[in-house]
């Protein structure tokens, strides 16, 4: 180990080369170049191989990070891929979009003067190389099982569950209301963070492994929920949360004020080559406009950086807390600032100006008070501090709430928590309906992709456990 590892003392931290801001503002391609093999090995060799790997402890998937870093440093890349894929269904996606600065890298024990290992970039490099070398093989179960599983939702939770269950030999069908597989991975996350080909090749990989997909599926409408239950031995609901939180106040209904997800879906569809009338009409096109994005999460960062690439005249992000208290990745904030976005911290909208369409946002300055019940500092207005920001397009990026699934599926027996998420047993993932399970954001609430993957895999294991016991009991009779 000494020969290959513990080189953080002599080797500085280095990420893959980032394209210049002036260049990346002009397209939706990913902003980081690929690691060169030698550079990836060197960066992996900086790992200290500590006794308690806090990078793994703070990874929702519990990835064996020090082990695949060591294998990468030794040039044993195929083994590194196998180890990475053992705990993560989509390592190359997590390597691109996980907020490593808040998770694995942010908890690296290497002292700050030496900086953490570039875990995410190495993770991406391992699996991208595995695809290039043909090491990523389709799922091939040891034995086929006759039981079938229906999964509603082709986002990260549903796909992670589909992969796990198919590897156990179950017959898996995934239903999704969209015309492509991926959910928010394909329609919600811009290409500069996750190029769509990365998601599409996983779709093909799952199909090659025997997972079936039914797209443009109207569950609860043309496909009654009861029919879905009758067609499968178990059903997993993994729809995610898509209902945008609204923002009130005078002028909140003016034309030119749009929801973040509508804006991002339209932009991504345009990039995929779809016919998008709402974009062509200018409703979701930021070109030549003064754009104001309200919110401080990763979705807000996606919106401001998309607006820059669409050719906005100016882009301002209003957030009611300060930089240190924002929920989004600080790495994304830095990238946005490089690309010309203005952040107006400690500011919240109080009215929207305009007659026939929005022309500005009247905001008020805030200050942080004492911590509230959640532990976060409360936010209070500063009297007499109002100011106006010019705006031709306002994007609301305030987070997401779950849809009313019992109504959407026309299945009133599904029970909800007081947060509106689906109510499940904490260990079995089963809902109030026998044989119907749920996982991901529809249970957890809006969260990270890596947590959705974890929940999908755990729910799949719970379904397997229940079906296996049922099969054993039936055989014993």
Protein backbone atom coordinates (compact mmCIF):
# COMPACT_ATOMS: atom_id res chain seq x y z
CA UNK A 1 0.00 0.00 0.00
CA UNK A 2 2.79 2.40 0.86
CA UNK A 3 4.05 2.33 -2.72
CA UNK A 4 0.77 3.45 -4.26
CA UNK A 5 -1.14 5.33 -1.57
CA UNK A 6 -0.84 8.17 0.98
CA UNK A 7 0.52 10.56 -1.64
CA UNK A 8 -1.60 13.51 -0.51
CA UNK A 9 1.54 14.84 1.18
CA UNK A 10 3.44 15.22 -2.10
CA UNK A 11 0.67 15.42 -4.72
CA UNK A 12 -1.73 18.39 -4.73
CA UNK A 13 -5.45 17.95 -5.27
CA UNK A 14 -6.36 18.17 -8.94
CA UNK A 15 -9.74 17.90 -10.64
CA UNK A 16 -10.17 17.19 -14.34
CA UNK A 17 -9.61 20.29 -16.44
CA UNK A 18 -12.60 22.61 -16.47
CA UNK A 19 -13.48 24.35 -19.71
CA UNK A 20 -13.20 28.14 -19.68
CA UNK A 21 -16.37 29.95 -18.66
CA UNK A 22 -16.53 31.85 -21.94
CA UNK A 23 -16.45 28.54 -23.84
CA UNK A 24 -18.92 26.61 -21.72
CA UNK A 25 -21.48 29.45 -21.68
CA UNK A 26 -22.00 28.77 -25.39
CA UNK A 27 -23.20 25.16 -25.14
CA UNK A 28 -24.78 22.51 -22.91
CA UNK A 29 -21.83 20.11 -22.96
CA UNK A 30 -20.36 18.93 -19.65
CA UNK A 31 -17.93 21.46 -18.22
CA UNK A 32 -15.25 19.01 -17.03
CA UNK A 33 -12.93 17.10 -19.34
CA UNK A 34 -12.28 13.41 -18.73
CA UNK A 35 -9.45 12.38 -16.42
CA UNK A 36 -6.36 11.12 -18.20
CA UNK A 37 -5.44 7.64 -16.89
CA UNK A 38 -2.20 8.81 -15.26
CA UNK A 39 -3.91 11.77 -13.58
CA UNK A 40 -6.73 9.54 -12.29
CA UNK A 41 -4.25 7.08 -10.81
CA UNK A 42 -2.29 9.89 -9.18
CA UNK A 43 -5.39 11.48 -7.65
CA UNK A 44 -6.62 8.11 -6.39
CA UNK A 45 -3.20 7.54 -4.78
CA UNK A 46 -3.77 10.60 -2.56
CA UNK A 47 -6.20 8.56 -0.44
CA UNK A 48 -4.91 8.10 3.12
CA UNK A 49 -6.63 4.68 3.51
CA UNK A 50 -7.81 5.78 6.96
CA UNK A 51 -9.05 3.26 9.51
CA UNK A 52 -12.56 4.74 9.65
CA UNK A 53 -13.39 5.93 6.13
CA UNK A 54 -15.68 8.89 6.72
CA UNK A 55 -16.12 9.21 2.95
CA UNK A 56 -17.94 5.85 2.97
CA UNK A 57 -19.75 6.57 6.23
CA UNK A 58 -21.19 9.77 4.74
CA UNK A 59 -22.09 8.23 1.38
CA UNK A 60 -25.80 7.27 1.34
CA UNK A 61 -24.85 4.13 -0.60
CA UNK A 62 -21.96 3.21 1.69
CA UNK A 63 -19.66 2.95 -1.33
CA UNK A 64 -16.34 1.18 -0.73
CA UNK A 65 -14.49 4.33 -1.70
CA UNK A 66 -11.00 3.71 -0.24
CA UNK A 67 -10.92 0.23 -1.80
CA UNK A 68 -11.72 1.32 -5.35
CA UNK A 69 -9.41 4.30 -5.02
CA UNK A 70 -6.57 1.92 -4.12
CA UNK A 71 -7.39 -0.37 -7.06
CA UNK A 72 -7.43 2.65 -9.39
CA UNK A 73 -4.07 3.83 -8.08
CA UNK A 74 -2.66 0.35 -8.78
CA UNK A 75 -4.02 0.36 -12.34
CA UNK A 76 -6.52 -2.44 -11.56
CA UNK A 77 -9.39 -0.54 -13.11
CA UNK A 78 -11.68 -3.43 -14.03
CA UNK A 79 -11.62 -4.60 -10.42
CA UNK A 80 -12.27 -1.02 -9.30
CA UNK A 81 -15.33 -0.92 -11.53
CA UNK A 82 -16.68 -4.22 -10.18
CA UNK A 83 -16.30 -2.97 -6.61
CA UNK A 84 -17.90 0.39 -7.41
CA UNK A 85 -20.84 -1.21 -9.21
CA UNK A 86 -21.45 -3.61 -6.32
CA UNK A 87 -22.96 -0.85 -4.19
CA UNK A 88 -24.02 1.75 -6.77
CA UNK A 89 -26.31 1.16 -9.74
CA UNK A 90 -25.11 4.30 -11.54
CA UNK A 91 -21.58 5.27 -10.41
CA UNK A 92 -20.91 7.39 -13.51
CA UNK A 93 -24.06 9.45 -12.81
CA UNK A 94 -23.33 9.95 -9.12
CA UNK A 95 -19.77 10.90 -10.01
CA UNK A 96 -21.19 13.73 -12.09
CA UNK A 97 -24.12 15.09 -10.09
CA UNK A 98 -23.63 14.17 -6.43
CA UNK A 99 -22.75 17.12 -4.19
CA UNK A 100 -19.45 15.53 -3.17
CA UNK A 101 -18.49 18.71 -1.34
CA UNK A 102 -21.31 17.94 1.13
CA UNK A 103 -20.92 14.14 1.22
CA UNK A 104 -17.82 12.01 0.59
CA UNK A 105 -15.24 14.67 -0.26
CA UNK A 106 -16.59 17.05 2.34
CA UNK A 107 -15.92 14.41 5.01
CA UNK A 108 -12.48 13.30 3.84
CA UNK A 109 -10.11 13.23 6.83
CA UNK A 110 -7.17 14.68 4.93
CA UNK A 111 -6.37 18.03 6.54
CA UNK A 112 -7.66 21.11 4.77
CA UNK A 113 -4.23 22.34 3.82
CA UNK A 114 -3.78 19.23 1.67
CA UNK A 115 -7.44 19.11 0.45
CA UNK A 116 -9.62 16.06 -0.06
CA UNK A 117 -9.32 13.31 -2.66
CA UNK A 118 -11.26 14.07 -5.86
CA UNK A 119 -13.59 11.12 -5.29
CA UNK A 120 -16.40 12.06 -7.66
CA UNK A 121 -14.14 12.58 -10.67
CA UNK A 122 -12.39 9.25 -10.10
CA UNK A 123 -15.77 7.49 -9.69
CA UNK A 124 -16.93 8.91 -13.03
CA UNK A 125 -13.64 7.96 -14.70
CA UNK A 126 -13.83 4.33 -13.52
CA UNK A 127 -17.26 3.59 -15.01
CA UNK A 128 -16.81 5.67 -18.18
CA UNK A 129 -13.67 3.63 -18.84
CA UNK A 130 -15.56 0.41 -18.06
CA UNK A 131 -18.13 1.26 -20.74
CA UNK A 132 -15.39 2.11 -23.25
CA UNK A 133 -13.55 -1.16 -22.55
CA UNK A 134 -16.69 -3.31 -22.71
CA UNK A 135 -16.54 -4.35 -19.06
CA UNK A 136 -20.14 -3.29 -18.40
CA UNK A 137 -22.14 -6.39 -19.28
CA UNK A 138 -25.95 -6.70 -19.43
CA UNK A 139 -27.66 -8.16 -16.37
CA UNK A 140 -27.54 -11.96 -16.53
CA UNK A 141 -29.40 -13.59 -13.60
CA UNK A 142 -28.13 -16.92 -12.33
CA UNK A 143 -31.70 -18.22 -12.55
CA UNK A 144 -35.03 -16.86 -13.78
CA UNK A 145 -37.98 -16.47 -11.41
CA UNK A 146 -41.59 -16.57 -12.52
CA UNK A 147 -42.71 -13.68 -10.28
CA UNK A 148 -43.09 -10.31 -11.95
CA UNK A 149 -42.62 -6.83 -10.51
CA UNK A 150 -44.24 -3.67 -11.83
CA UNK A 151 -42.37 -0.43 -11.11
CA UNK A 152 -44.07 2.95 -11.57
CA UNK A 153 -41.45 5.58 -12.37
CA UNK A 154 -38.30 5.36 -14.50
CA UNK A 155 -36.27 7.76 -12.39
CA UNK A 156 -33.23 6.84 -10.28
CA UNK A 157 -35.20 5.01 -7.54
CA UNK A 158 -37.25 2.97 -10.01
CA UNK A 159 -34.28 2.13 -12.21
CA UNK A 160 -32.10 1.15 -9.25
CA UNK A 161 -34.85 -1.17 -8.01
CA UNK A 162 -35.33 -2.59 -11.52
CA UNK A 163 -31.62 -3.44 -11.81
CA UNK A 164 -31.48 -5.09 -8.39
CA UNK A 165 -34.64 -7.15 -8.91
CA UNK A 166 -33.72 -8.19 -12.44
CA UNK A 167 -30.31 -9.37 -11.20
CA UNK A 168 -32.24 -11.69 -8.86
CA UNK A 169 -34.12 -13.12 -11.83
CA UNK A 170 -37.49 -11.39 -11.45
CA UNK A 171 -39.49 -10.34 -14.51
CA UNK A 172 -39.45 -6.55 -14.27
CA UNK A 173 -41.61 -4.03 -16.12
CA UNK A 174 -41.10 -0.30 -15.57
CA UNK A 175 -43.94 2.12 -16.35
CA UNK A 176 -43.35 5.83 -16.88
CA UNK A 177 -45.53 8.73 -18.00
CA UNK A 178 -42.76 10.26 -20.11
CA UNK A 179 -41.54 9.16 -23.53
CA UNK A 180 -37.97 8.47 -22.37
CA UNK A 181 -36.42 6.63 -19.46
CA UNK A 182 -34.61 8.56 -16.72
CA UNK A 183 -37.12 10.85 -15.03
CA UNK A 184 -35.36 13.93 -13.70
CA UNK A 185 -32.02 12.52 -14.89
CA UNK A 186 -33.14 13.05 -18.49
CA UNK A 187 -35.57 15.96 -18.20
CA UNK A 188 -34.68 17.83 -15.02
CA UNK A 189 -30.87 17.94 -14.96
CA UNK A 190 -29.18 20.02 -17.68
CA UNK A 191 -26.64 18.51 -20.05
CA UNK A 192 -23.75 20.58 -18.68
CA UNK A 193 -23.99 18.46 -15.51
CA UNK A 194 -25.15 15.18 -17.05
CA UNK A 195 -25.03 14.64 -20.81
CA UNK A 196 -28.13 12.76 -21.94
CA UNK A 197 -26.17 10.01 -23.68
CA UNK A 198 -24.99 8.87 -20.23
CA UNK A 199 -28.61 8.22 -19.20
CA UNK A 200 -29.67 6.76 -22.55
CA UNK A 201 -26.91 4.15 -22.52
CA UNK A 202 -28.13 2.96 -19.09
CA UNK A 203 -31.63 2.64 -20.55
CA UNK A 204 -30.25 0.39 -23.29
CA UNK A 205 -28.18 -1.55 -20.73
CA UNK A 206 -31.30 -2.29 -18.67
CA UNK A 207 -33.26 -3.34 -21.77
CA UNK A 208 -30.40 -5.61 -22.85
CA UNK A 209 -30.60 -7.19 -19.40
CA UNK A 210 -34.29 -8.03 -19.78
CA UNK A 211 -36.02 -5.09 -18.09
CA UNK A 212 -39.16 -4.10 -20.02
CA UNK A 213 -40.38 -0.50 -20.31
CA UNK A 214 -43.87 0.84 -20.94
CA UNK A 215 -43.60 4.55 -21.72
CA UNK A 216 -46.29 7.24 -22.02
CA UNK A 217 -48.10 5.16 -19.41
CA UNK A 218 -51.23 6.70 -17.89
CA UNK A 219 -51.43 4.92 -14.54
CA UNK A 220 -54.81 5.48 -12.92
CA UNK A 221 -56.29 6.44 -16.29
CA UNK A 222 -55.89 4.22 -19.32
CA UNK A 223 -54.04 1.73 -17.11
CA UNK A 224 -56.13 1.27 -13.94
CA UNK A 225 -54.04 0.81 -10.82
CA UNK A 226 -56.00 -2.35 -9.98
CA UNK A 227 -55.03 -3.85 -13.35
CA UNK A 228 -51.38 -3.17 -12.58
CA UNK A 229 -51.69 -4.95 -9.23
CA UNK A 230 -53.38 -7.93 -10.88
CA UNK A 231 -50.68 -8.17 -13.55
CA UNK A 232 -47.75 -8.34 -11.11
CA UNK A 233 -46.80 -10.14 -7.93
CA UNK A 234 -45.63 -6.84 -6.44
CA UNK A 235 -45.79 -3.17 -7.43
CA UNK A 236 -43.24 -0.51 -6.49
CA UNK A 237 -44.26 3.16 -6.65
CA UNK A 238 -41.21 5.32 -7.39
CA UNK A 239 -42.72 8.38 -9.03
CA UNK A 240 -40.61 11.02 -7.36
CA UNK A 241 -42.01 14.46 -6.52
CA UNK A 242 -42.78 16.94 -9.27
CA UNK A 243 -45.29 19.40 -7.82
CA UNK A 244 -43.57 22.79 -7.64
CA UNK A 245 -44.01 24.87 -4.52
CA UNK A 246 -45.84 28.08 -5.32
CA UNK A 247 -44.94 31.64 -4.45
CA UNK A 248 -47.63 34.15 -3.53
CA UNK A 249 -47.65 37.91 -3.21
CA UNK A 250 -48.89 40.74 -5.43
CA UNK A 251 -48.37 40.05 -9.13
CA UNK A 252 -47.53 36.37 -8.62
CA UNK A 253 -49.79 35.38 -11.52
CA UNK A 254 -48.23 37.66 -14.12
CA UNK A 255 -47.14 36.14 -17.45
CA UNK A 256 -43.39 35.61 -17.52
CA UNK A 257 -43.31 33.91 -14.10
CA UNK A 258 -42.67 30.18 -14.60
CA UNK A 259 -41.95 27.05 -12.58
CA UNK A 260 -38.37 25.75 -12.50
CA UNK A 261 -39.22 22.21 -13.58
CA UNK A 262 -41.32 23.39 -16.53
CA UNK A 263 -38.41 25.58 -17.57
CA UNK A 264 -35.81 22.81 -17.29
CA UNK A 265 -37.96 20.15 -18.98
CA UNK A 266 -38.58 22.49 -21.91
CA UNK A 267 -34.87 23.28 -22.25
CA UNK A 268 -33.87 19.61 -22.04
CA UNK A 269 -36.49 18.58 -24.59
CA UNK A 270 -35.19 21.25 -26.94
CA UNK A 271 -31.68 19.88 -26.51
CA UNK A 272 -32.92 16.37 -27.24
CA UNK A 273 -34.35 17.56 -30.55
CA UNK A 274 -38.04 17.47 -29.63
CA UNK A 275 -40.57 19.92 -31.02
CA UNK A 276 -41.21 22.31 -28.12
CA UNK A 277 -43.85 24.96 -28.94
CA UNK A 278 -43.57 26.62 -25.50
CA UNK A 279 -39.86 27.19 -26.06
CA UNK A 280 -40.28 28.39 -29.64
CA UNK A 281 -42.96 30.86 -28.49
CA UNK A 282 -40.42 32.45 -26.14
CA UNK A 283 -42.20 31.51 -22.92
CA UNK A 284 -39.26 29.43 -21.63
CA UNK A 285 -36.49 31.00 -23.71
CA UNK A 286 -34.21 33.34 -21.73
CA UNK A 287 -32.45 34.80 -24.79
CA UNK A 288 -32.00 38.55 -24.44
CA UNK A 289 -33.97 38.69 -21.17
CA UNK A 290 -33.22 39.81 -17.65
CA UNK A 291 -33.78 36.61 -15.69
CA UNK A 292 -34.42 36.32 -11.95
CA UNK A 293 -34.33 32.89 -10.31
CA UNK A 294 -35.81 32.59 -6.82
CA UNK A 295 -34.34 29.84 -4.64
CA UNK A 296 -31.02 28.47 -3.43
CA UNK A 297 -31.06 24.74 -4.11
CA UNK A 298 -29.50 22.65 -6.85
CA UNK A 299 -32.57 23.20 -9.07
CA UNK A 300 -32.06 26.96 -8.81
CA UNK A 301 -28.42 26.50 -9.82
CA UNK A 302 -29.52 24.44 -12.83
CA UNK A 303 -31.90 27.23 -13.83
CA UNK A 304 -29.44 30.12 -13.58
CA UNK A 305 -26.79 28.23 -15.55
CA UNK A 306 -29.34 27.18 -18.19
CA UNK A 307 -30.45 30.80 -18.60
CA UNK A 308 -26.84 31.84 -19.18
CA UNK A 309 -26.52 29.27 -21.99
CA UNK A 310 -29.78 30.39 -23.57
CA UNK A 311 -28.25 33.86 -23.99
CA UNK A 312 -29.88 35.80 -21.15
CA UNK A 313 -29.03 39.49 -20.91
CA UNK A 314 -28.54 39.13 -17.15
CA UNK A 315 -29.14 36.40 -14.58
CA UNK A 316 -29.78 37.11 -10.89
CA UNK A 317 -30.40 34.57 -8.15
CA UNK A 318 -32.39 35.78 -5.14
CA UNK A 319 -31.96 33.70 -1.99
CA UNK A 320 -33.27 34.59 1.45
CA UNK A 321 -30.32 33.13 3.34
CA UNK A 322 -26.56 33.59 2.87
CA UNK A 323 -24.03 31.52 0.94
CA UNK A 324 -23.12 29.35 3.95
CA UNK A 325 -26.75 28.41 4.59
CA UNK A 326 -27.89 27.62 1.08
CA UNK A 327 -29.02 24.01 0.42
CA UNK A 328 -27.39 23.76 -3.01
CA UNK A 329 -23.82 22.69 -3.76
CA UNK A 330 -21.27 25.44 -3.21
CA UNK A 331 -19.36 24.00 -6.15
CA UNK A 332 -22.35 24.80 -8.36
CA UNK A 333 -22.52 28.34 -6.96
CA UNK A 334 -18.88 28.85 -7.87
CA UNK A 335 -19.45 27.53 -11.39
CA UNK A 336 -22.46 29.82 -11.80
CA UNK A 337 -20.49 32.86 -10.63
CA UNK A 338 -17.72 32.02 -13.11
CA UNK A 339 -20.36 32.01 -15.86
CA UNK A 340 -21.66 35.47 -14.95
CA UNK A 341 -24.57 34.85 -12.56
CA UNK A 342 -25.18 37.49 -9.88
CA UNK A 343 -26.16 36.20 -6.44
CA UNK A 344 -28.17 38.51 -4.23
CA UNK A 345 -27.98 36.90 -0.81
CA UNK A 346 -30.30 37.54 2.14
CA UNK A 347 -33.07 38.77 -0.15
CA UNK A 348 -36.64 37.59 -0.68
CA UNK A 349 -39.34 38.65 -3.13
CA UNK A 350 -42.33 40.57 -1.76
CA UNK A 351 -44.08 41.55 -5.02
CA UNK A 352 -43.86 41.15 -8.79
CA UNK A 353 -44.15 44.25 -10.94
CA UNK A 354 -45.75 44.70 -14.34
CA UNK A 355 -49.10 45.12 -16.07
CA UNK A 356 -49.46 42.65 -18.95
CA UNK A 357 -46.28 40.73 -18.06
CA UNK A 358 -43.64 40.74 -15.38
CA UNK A 359 -41.11 43.58 -15.58
CA UNK A 360 -39.44 43.37 -12.20
CA UNK A 361 -39.23 41.83 -8.75
CA UNK A 362 -39.55 43.96 -5.64
CA UNK A 363 -37.44 42.28 -2.98
CA UNK A 364 -36.63 42.98 0.63
CA UNK A 365 -33.42 42.42 2.54
CA UNK A 366 -33.36 39.76 5.25
CA UNK A 367 -31.18 38.99 8.24
CA UNK A 368 -30.56 35.72 10.03
CA UNK A 369 -31.89 35.41 13.58
CA UNK A 370 -31.77 32.70 16.21
CA UNK A 371 -32.05 29.02 15.24
CA UNK A 372 -35.60 27.70 14.87
CA UNK A 373 -36.97 24.24 15.75
CA UNK A 374 -35.12 22.69 12.79
CA UNK A 375 -31.79 24.06 13.99
CA UNK A 376 -31.46 26.52 11.10
CA UNK A 377 -31.31 30.24 11.76
CA UNK A 378 -34.64 31.98 11.34
CA UNK A 379 -35.01 34.58 8.59
CA UNK A 380 -36.43 38.03 9.36
CA UNK A 381 -37.17 41.02 7.16
CA UNK A 382 -35.29 44.29 7.51
CA UNK A 383 -37.84 47.10 7.55
CA UNK A 384 -37.44 49.74 4.86
CA UNK A 385 -34.89 47.73 2.84
CA UNK A 386 -36.97 47.06 -0.29
CA UNK A 387 -35.30 47.24 -3.70
CA UNK A 388 -36.24 46.32 -7.28
CA UNK A 389 -34.57 43.91 -9.69
CA UNK A 390 -35.47 44.22 -13.38
CA UNK A 391 -36.93 40.98 -14.76
CA UNK A 392 -38.42 39.81 -18.05
CA UNK A 393 -38.47 36.18 -16.89
CA UNK A 394 -38.86 34.97 -13.31
CA UNK A 395 -38.21 31.32 -12.47
CA UNK A 396 -39.55 29.88 -9.20
CA UNK A 397 -37.16 27.24 -7.83
CA UNK A 398 -38.54 26.77 -4.33
CA UNK A 399 -38.51 22.98 -4.13
CA UNK A 400 -41.04 20.25 -4.80
CA UNK A 401 -43.92 18.58 -3.03
CA UNK A 402 -45.53 15.21 -3.80
CA UNK A 403 -48.59 14.95 -5.98
CA UNK A 404 -51.79 13.50 -4.52
CA UNK A 405 -51.12 9.95 -5.70
CA UNK A 406 -54.30 8.38 -4.29
CA UNK A 407 -56.24 10.79 -6.51
CA UNK A 408 -53.83 10.50 -9.47
CA UNK A 409 -53.96 6.69 -9.38
CA UNK A 410 -57.66 6.66 -8.44
CA UNK A 411 -56.69 4.43 -5.53
CA UNK A 412 -57.99 5.91 -2.23
CA UNK A 413 -56.57 3.00 -0.19
CA UNK A 414 -53.07 4.42 -0.58
CA UNK A 415 -52.37 6.34 2.63
CA UNK A 416 -50.39 9.55 2.97
CA UNK A 417 -48.30 11.09 5.74
CA UNK A 418 -49.07 14.61 6.93
CA UNK A 419 -46.33 15.78 4.53
CA UNK A 420 -48.29 14.32 1.60
CA UNK A 421 -45.75 11.57 0.91
CA UNK A 422 -46.79 7.93 0.63
CA UNK A 423 -46.99 6.20 3.98
CA UNK A 424 -44.91 3.02 4.14
CA UNK A 425 -43.62 0.61 6.74
CA UNK A 426 -40.11 1.85 7.63
CA UNK A 427 -38.49 -1.59 7.21
CA UNK A 428 -40.57 -3.34 4.55
CA UNK A 429 -41.32 -0.31 2.32
CA UNK A 430 -44.87 -1.68 1.97
CA UNK A 431 -47.75 0.78 1.70
CA UNK A 432 -51.24 0.37 3.16
CA UNK A 433 -52.05 -1.83 0.16
CA UNK A 434 -50.66 -5.38 0.42
CA UNK A 435 -48.08 -6.07 -2.26
CA UNK A 436 -47.67 -2.38 -3.11
CA UNK A 437 -44.37 -0.82 -2.06
CA UNK A 438 -42.93 2.68 -2.44
CA UNK A 439 -39.46 4.23 -2.40
CA UNK A 440 -37.53 7.36 -3.29
CA UNK A 441 -38.71 10.94 -3.09
CA UNK A 442 -42.38 9.95 -3.01
CA UNK A 443 -41.64 8.52 0.46
CA UNK A 444 -38.63 10.57 1.58
CA UNK A 445 -39.61 13.92 0.09
CA UNK A 446 -37.48 15.85 -2.40
CA UNK A 447 -33.88 14.74 -1.92
CA UNK A 448 -30.69 13.76 -3.73
CA UNK A 449 -30.38 11.28 -6.59
CA UNK A 450 -27.98 9.18 -4.52
CA UNK A 451 -30.63 8.78 -1.81
CA UNK A 452 -33.18 7.72 -4.44
CA UNK A 453 -30.76 5.03 -5.65
CA UNK A 454 -30.25 3.84 -2.07
CA UNK A 455 -34.00 3.74 -1.41
CA UNK A 456 -34.68 1.90 -4.67
CA UNK A 457 -32.11 -0.78 -3.89
CA UNK A 458 -33.35 -1.19 -0.31
CA UNK A 459 -36.98 -1.44 -1.43
CA UNK A 460 -36.01 -4.05 -4.04
CA UNK A 461 -34.31 -6.13 -1.34
CA UNK A 462 -37.45 -5.85 0.84
CA UNK A 463 -39.67 -6.99 -2.05
CA UNK A 464 -37.34 -9.93 -2.71
CA UNK A 465 -37.45 -10.88 0.97
CA UNK A 466 -41.25 -10.89 1.04
CA UNK A 467 -41.71 -12.76 -2.24
CA UNK A 468 -39.07 -15.35 -1.31
CA UNK A 469 -40.78 -16.08 2.01
CA UNK A 470 -44.16 -16.29 0.29
CA UNK A 471 -42.76 -18.76 -2.25
CA UNK A 472 -41.17 -20.88 0.49
CA UNK A 473 -44.42 -20.94 2.45
CA UNK A 474 -46.38 -21.98 -0.64
CA UNK A 475 -43.88 -24.75 -1.40
CA UNK A 476 -44.14 -26.09 2.14
CA UNK A 477 -47.91 -26.50 1.96
